Amino acid sequence: MSKVLSLKLQDRVFEETEEILRRSRKARNAYFNEAINLYNKVWKRKLLKQKLAKESALVAADSLEVLEAFERLEDELSE
C-alpha cells in the first residue's frame, strides 16, 4: 500500500535531487522511497544506541561487582 504526500523541498535540495535523477535515470518516487528508508534505518540505529547506552548505565555497577568477584576468585585460585 502506498500513501500520497505533499512535500516542500529547499531549492538546493530539489536541484541536486533532479540532477541525480537525470544521471541515474531513476524514478523520483523510487529515489525518495530509498532515501527515506535509508534515513529511517539511520534513526533506528541512533535510537537503539541510545537505548543500549541507557541500559548499560543501569547495569554498570552490577557488572563491576561481578567482575570484582571473578577477580577475587581468580586471586584465590592462584594462591
N, C-alpha and C. Protein backbone atom coordinates (compact mmCIF):
# COMPACT_ATOMS: atom_id res chain seq x y z
N MET A 1 0.84 -1.18 0.00
CA MET A 1 0.00 0.00 0.00
C MET A 1 0.88 1.24 0.00
N SER A 2 0.47 2.26 -0.68
CA SER A 2 1.25 3.50 -0.77
C SER A 2 0.42 4.67 -0.27
N LYS A 3 1.10 5.69 0.20
CA LYS A 3 0.46 6.92 0.66
C LYS A 3 0.92 8.06 -0.23
N VAL A 4 0.03 8.98 -0.50
CA VAL A 4 0.34 10.16 -1.29
C VAL A 4 0.73 11.27 -0.34
N LEU A 5 1.86 11.93 -0.61
CA LEU A 5 2.34 13.01 0.24
C LEU A 5 2.54 14.27 -0.57
N SER A 6 2.39 15.39 0.09
CA SER A 6 2.77 16.67 -0.48
C SER A 6 4.06 17.06 0.23
N LEU A 7 5.05 17.51 -0.51
CA LEU A 7 6.37 17.70 0.06
C LEU A 7 6.97 19.01 -0.43
N LYS A 8 7.52 19.78 0.50
CA LYS A 8 8.22 21.01 0.13
C LYS A 8 9.71 20.79 0.35
N LEU A 9 10.49 21.02 -0.69
CA LEU A 9 11.94 20.87 -0.61
C LEU A 9 12.60 22.23 -0.78
N GLN A 10 13.73 22.40 -0.13
CA GLN A 10 14.53 23.59 -0.38
C GLN A 10 14.99 23.54 -1.84
N ASP A 11 15.14 24.70 -2.46
CA ASP A 11 15.52 24.75 -3.87
C ASP A 11 16.81 23.97 -4.14
N ARG A 12 17.79 24.15 -3.28
CA ARG A 12 19.08 23.47 -3.48
C ARG A 12 18.92 21.96 -3.43
N VAL A 13 18.15 21.47 -2.48
CA VAL A 13 17.92 20.03 -2.35
C VAL A 13 17.19 19.51 -3.58
N PHE A 14 16.19 20.25 -4.02
CA PHE A 14 15.43 19.83 -5.20
C PHE A 14 16.33 19.76 -6.43
N GLU A 15 17.15 20.79 -6.63
CA GLU A 15 18.02 20.83 -7.81
C GLU A 15 19.04 19.69 -7.78
N GLU A 16 19.63 19.43 -6.63
CA GLU A 16 20.57 18.31 -6.51
C GLU A 16 19.88 16.99 -6.81
N THR A 17 18.69 16.84 -6.28
CA THR A 17 17.92 15.61 -6.49
C THR A 17 17.60 15.42 -7.97
N GLU A 18 17.16 16.48 -8.60
CA GLU A 18 16.83 16.38 -10.03
C GLU A 18 18.05 16.01 -10.86
N GLU A 19 19.22 16.55 -10.50
CA GLU A 19 20.45 16.21 -11.23
C GLU A 19 20.78 14.73 -11.05
N ILE A 20 20.68 14.26 -9.83
CA ILE A 20 20.95 12.85 -9.57
C ILE A 20 19.97 11.96 -10.32
N LEU A 21 18.71 12.35 -10.30
CA LEU A 21 17.69 11.56 -11.00
C LEU A 21 17.95 11.53 -12.51
N ARG A 22 18.38 12.65 -13.06
CA ARG A 22 18.70 12.67 -14.51
C ARG A 22 19.84 11.71 -14.82
N ARG A 23 20.85 11.73 -13.98
CA ARG A 23 22.02 10.88 -14.22
C ARG A 23 21.74 9.41 -13.96
N SER A 24 20.96 9.13 -12.96
CA SER A 24 20.71 7.74 -12.58
C SER A 24 19.54 7.12 -13.34
N ARG A 25 18.75 7.97 -13.94
CA ARG A 25 17.54 7.51 -14.66
C ARG A 25 16.61 6.72 -13.74
N LYS A 26 16.59 7.14 -12.51
CA LYS A 26 15.73 6.50 -11.50
C LYS A 26 14.46 7.34 -11.36
N ALA A 27 13.36 6.68 -11.10
CA ALA A 27 12.10 7.39 -10.88
C ALA A 27 12.19 8.17 -9.57
N ARG A 28 11.62 9.36 -9.59
CA ARG A 28 11.66 10.22 -8.40
C ARG A 28 11.04 9.51 -7.19
N ASN A 29 9.92 8.86 -7.40
CA ASN A 29 9.24 8.17 -6.31
C ASN A 29 10.14 7.07 -5.71
N ALA A 30 10.79 6.29 -6.55
CA ALA A 30 11.68 5.23 -6.08
C ALA A 30 12.86 5.83 -5.31
N TYR A 31 13.39 6.93 -5.83
CA TYR A 31 14.52 7.60 -5.19
C TYR A 31 14.15 8.07 -3.78
N PHE A 32 13.00 8.74 -3.66
CA PHE A 32 12.58 9.22 -2.35
C PHE A 32 12.28 8.07 -1.39
N ASN A 33 11.68 7.00 -1.89
CA ASN A 33 11.43 5.84 -1.04
C ASN A 33 12.73 5.25 -0.51
N GLU A 34 13.74 5.12 -1.37
CA GLU A 34 15.03 4.60 -0.94
C GLU A 34 15.70 5.54 0.07
N ALA A 35 15.62 6.83 -0.21
CA ALA A 35 16.25 7.81 0.68
C ALA A 35 15.61 7.80 2.06
N ILE A 36 14.30 7.78 2.11
CA ILE A 36 13.60 7.78 3.40
C ILE A 36 13.83 6.47 4.13
N ASN A 37 13.84 5.37 3.40
CA ASN A 37 14.12 4.08 4.02
C ASN A 37 15.51 4.07 4.65
N LEU A 38 16.50 4.58 3.95
CA LEU A 38 17.86 4.66 4.49
C LEU A 38 17.91 5.57 5.72
N TYR A 39 17.25 6.71 5.66
CA TYR A 39 17.23 7.64 6.78
C TYR A 39 16.53 7.00 7.99
N ASN A 40 15.47 6.25 7.75
CA ASN A 40 14.80 5.54 8.85
C ASN A 40 15.74 4.55 9.51
N LYS A 41 16.53 3.84 8.72
CA LYS A 41 17.49 2.89 9.28
C LYS A 41 18.54 3.60 10.14
N VAL A 42 19.00 4.76 9.67
CA VAL A 42 19.97 5.54 10.44
C VAL A 42 19.37 5.94 11.78
N TRP A 43 18.13 6.41 11.77
CA TRP A 43 17.48 6.82 13.02
C TRP A 43 17.22 5.64 13.94
N LYS A 44 16.84 4.50 13.38
CA LYS A 44 16.63 3.32 14.22
C LYS A 44 17.92 2.94 14.93
N ARG A 45 19.06 3.03 14.23
CA ARG A 45 20.36 2.72 14.85
C ARG A 45 20.69 3.71 15.96
N LYS A 46 20.41 5.00 15.71
CA LYS A 46 20.65 6.02 16.74
C LYS A 46 19.81 5.75 17.97
N LEU A 47 18.54 5.45 17.76
CA LEU A 47 17.65 5.18 18.90
C LEU A 47 18.09 3.93 19.65
N LEU A 48 18.51 2.89 18.93
CA LEU A 48 19.00 1.68 19.57
C LEU A 48 20.26 1.96 20.37
N LYS A 49 21.15 2.76 19.81
CA LYS A 49 22.39 3.13 20.51
C LYS A 49 22.07 3.85 21.81
N GLN A 50 21.11 4.77 21.76
CA GLN A 50 20.72 5.49 22.98
C GLN A 50 20.13 4.53 24.01
N LYS A 51 19.28 3.62 23.55
CA LYS A 51 18.66 2.65 24.46
C LYS A 51 19.71 1.75 25.10
N LEU A 52 20.65 1.26 24.29
CA LEU A 52 21.70 0.39 24.83
C LEU A 52 22.59 1.13 25.81
N ALA A 53 22.90 2.39 25.52
CA ALA A 53 23.74 3.19 26.44
C ALA A 53 23.01 3.38 27.76
N LYS A 54 21.71 3.66 27.69
CA LYS A 54 20.92 3.85 28.91
C LYS A 54 20.87 2.56 29.72
N GLU A 55 20.60 1.44 29.06
CA GLU A 55 20.51 0.15 29.76
C GLU A 55 21.86 -0.29 30.30
N SER A 56 22.92 0.00 29.55
CA SER A 56 24.26 -0.34 30.01
C SER A 56 24.61 0.44 31.28
N ALA A 57 24.22 1.70 31.32
CA ALA A 57 24.47 2.52 32.51
C ALA A 57 23.72 1.97 33.71
N LEU A 58 22.53 1.42 33.48
CA LEU A 58 21.74 0.88 34.58
C LEU A 58 22.38 -0.35 35.22
N VAL A 59 23.12 -1.14 34.45
CA VAL A 59 23.71 -2.37 34.98
C VAL A 59 25.22 -2.25 35.21
N ALA A 60 25.77 -1.06 35.00
CA ALA A 60 27.22 -0.88 35.11
C ALA A 60 27.74 -1.26 36.50
N ALA A 61 27.05 -0.82 37.52
CA ALA A 61 27.52 -1.12 38.89
C ALA A 61 27.49 -2.62 39.15
N ASP A 62 26.42 -3.28 38.72
CA ASP A 62 26.34 -4.74 38.90
C ASP A 62 27.44 -5.45 38.14
N SER A 63 27.73 -4.97 36.95
CA SER A 63 28.78 -5.59 36.14
C SER A 63 30.13 -5.47 36.82
N LEU A 64 30.40 -4.32 37.42
CA LEU A 64 31.66 -4.13 38.13
C LEU A 64 31.75 -5.06 39.34
N GLU A 65 30.64 -5.22 40.05
CA GLU A 65 30.63 -6.14 41.20
C GLU A 65 30.95 -7.57 40.76
N VAL A 66 30.36 -8.01 39.66
CA VAL A 66 30.60 -9.36 39.15
C VAL A 66 32.06 -9.49 38.74
N LEU A 67 32.60 -8.49 38.06
CA LEU A 67 34.00 -8.52 37.64
C LEU A 67 34.92 -8.61 38.85
N GLU A 68 34.65 -7.82 39.87
CA GLU A 68 35.47 -7.86 41.08
C GLU A 68 35.38 -9.22 41.76
N ALA A 69 34.21 -9.81 41.77
CA ALA A 69 34.04 -11.13 42.37
C ALA A 69 34.87 -12.16 41.61
N PHE A 70 34.85 -12.09 40.29
CA PHE A 70 35.65 -13.02 39.49
C PHE A 70 37.14 -12.80 39.72
N GLU A 71 37.55 -11.55 39.85
CA GLU A 71 38.96 -11.26 40.11
C GLU A 71 39.40 -11.81 41.47
N ARG A 72 38.53 -11.68 42.49
CA ARG A 72 38.85 -12.24 43.81
C ARG A 72 38.95 -13.76 43.73
N LEU A 73 38.04 -14.36 43.01
CA LEU A 73 38.05 -15.81 42.85
C LEU A 73 39.33 -16.25 42.13
N GLU A 74 39.69 -15.53 41.09
CA GLU A 74 40.92 -15.84 40.36
C GLU A 74 42.14 -15.71 41.26
N ASP A 75 42.17 -14.65 42.09
CA ASP A 75 43.28 -14.45 43.02
C ASP A 75 43.36 -15.61 44.02
N GLU A 76 42.21 -16.05 44.52
CA GLU A 76 42.16 -17.13 45.50
C GLU A 76 42.66 -18.44 44.86
N LEU A 77 42.29 -18.67 43.61
CA LEU A 77 42.70 -19.90 42.94
C LEU A 77 44.19 -19.93 42.62
N SER A 78 44.77 -18.75 42.41
CA SER A 78 46.19 -18.72 42.05
C SER A 78 47.10 -18.73 43.28
N GLU A 79 46.54 -18.64 44.47
CA GLU A 79 47.35 -18.67 45.71
C GLU A 79 47.80 -20.05 46.07
